[in-house]
Amino acid sequence: MTGKKMKCMVCGHVYDPDKGDRDVDAGTIFSDIPAGWKCPVCGAQKASFKEI
């Protein structure tokens, strides 16, 4: 396991570092994602995500 999963508190989308996400390579921990990244589902800011 690469890191902690993070959940968008707006829409419920879960970022799984083992899988990555749109424009984010698998293996990228959440803290290494650029500050301007937004939830690929609802567009919420990175700050809207909480560790689960």
C-alpha atoms as a PDB file:
ATOM      1  CA  MET A   1       0.000   0.000   0.000  1.00  0.00           C
ATOM      2  CA  THR A   2       1.375   3.369  -1.042  1.00  0.00           C
ATOM      3  CA  GLY A   3      -0.502   5.730   1.250  1.00  0.00           C
ATOM      4  CA  LYS A   4      -3.779   6.641   2.871  1.00  0.00           C
ATOM      5  CA  LYS A   5      -7.017   6.856   0.923  1.00  0.00           C
ATOM      6  CA  MET A   6      -8.623  10.278   0.879  1.00  0.00           C
ATOM      7  CA  LYS A   7     -12.340  11.013   0.536  1.00  0.00           C
ATOM      8  CA  CYS A   8     -13.954  14.122  -0.956  1.00  0.00           C
ATOM      9  CA  MET A   9     -16.292  15.490   1.694  1.00  0.00           C
ATOM     10  CA  VAL A  10     -18.416  17.135  -1.025  1.00  0.00           C
ATOM     11  CA  CYS A  11     -19.254  14.176  -3.278  1.00  0.00           C
ATOM     12  CA  GLY A  12     -17.733  11.097  -1.631  1.00  0.00           C
ATOM     13  CA  HIS A  13     -15.136  10.356  -4.327  1.00  0.00           C
ATOM     14  CA  VAL A  14     -12.233   8.344  -2.892  1.00  0.00           C
ATOM     15  CA  TYR A  15      -8.661   8.963  -4.022  1.00  0.00           C
ATOM     16  CA  ASP A  16      -6.706   5.705  -3.753  1.00  0.00           C
ATOM     17  CA  PRO A  17      -2.945   6.293  -4.136  1.00  0.00           C
ATOM     18  CA  ASP A  18      -2.447   2.706  -5.285  1.00  0.00           C
ATOM     19  CA  LYS A  19      -4.668   3.423  -8.306  1.00  0.00           C
ATOM     20  CA  GLY A  20      -4.041   7.124  -8.922  1.00  0.00           C
ATOM     21  CA  ASP A  21      -6.678   9.259 -10.605  1.00  0.00           C
ATOM     22  CA  ARG A  22      -7.268  11.364 -13.674  1.00  0.00           C
ATOM     23  CA  ASP A  23      -3.934  13.129 -14.399  1.00  0.00           C
ATOM     24  CA  VAL A  24      -2.343  11.508 -11.307  1.00  0.00           C
ATOM     25  CA  ASP A  25      -0.096   8.465 -11.689  1.00  0.00           C
ATOM     26  CA  ALA A  26      -0.665   5.358  -9.593  1.00  0.00           C
ATOM     27  CA  GLY A  27       1.654   5.377  -6.590  1.00  0.00           C
ATOM     28  CA  THR A  28       1.276   9.126  -5.965  1.00  0.00           C
ATOM     29  CA  ILE A  29       0.539   9.903  -2.331  1.00  0.00           C
ATOM     30  CA  PHE A  30      -2.084  12.594  -1.772  1.00  0.00           C
ATOM     31  CA  SER A  31       0.367  15.132  -0.326  1.00  0.00           C
ATOM     32  CA  ASP A  32       2.400  14.962  -3.561  1.00  0.00           C
ATOM     33  CA  ILE A  33      -0.564  15.948  -5.749  1.00  0.00           C
ATOM     34  CA  PRO A  34      -0.247  19.604  -6.884  1.00  0.00           C
ATOM     35  CA  ALA A  35      -2.233  22.179  -4.852  1.00  0.00           C
ATOM     36  CA  GLY A  36      -4.332  23.139  -7.884  1.00  0.00           C
ATOM     37  CA  TRP A  37      -5.678  19.601  -8.353  1.00  0.00           C
ATOM     38  CA  LYS A  38      -9.442  19.281  -8.007  1.00  0.00           C
ATOM     39  CA  CYS A  39     -11.787  16.373  -7.402  1.00  0.00           C
ATOM     40  CA  PRO A  40     -12.336  14.722 -10.795  1.00  0.00           C
ATOM     41  CA  VAL A  41     -16.009  14.106  -9.949  1.00  0.00           C
ATOM     42  CA  CYS A  42     -17.280  17.390  -8.483  1.00  0.00           C
ATOM     43  CA  GLY A  43     -14.394  19.859  -8.908  1.00  0.00           C
ATOM     44  CA  ALA A  44     -13.925  20.454  -5.163  1.00  0.00           C
ATOM     45  CA  GLN A  45     -10.577  21.793  -3.967  1.00  0.00           C
ATOM     46  CA  LYS A  46      -7.907  19.422  -2.666  1.00  0.00           C
ATOM     47  CA  ALA A  47      -8.578  20.805   0.839  1.00  0.00           C
ATOM     48  CA  SER A  48     -12.056  19.210   0.691  1.00  0.00           C
ATOM     49  CA  PHE A  49     -10.509  15.735   1.067  1.00  0.00           C
ATOM     50  CA  LYS A  50     -10.128  13.969   4.407  1.00  0.00           C
ATOM     51  CA  GLU A  51      -8.206  10.807   5.277  1.00  0.00           C
ATOM     52  CA  ILE A  52     -10.274   7.639   5.593  1.00  0.00           C
END
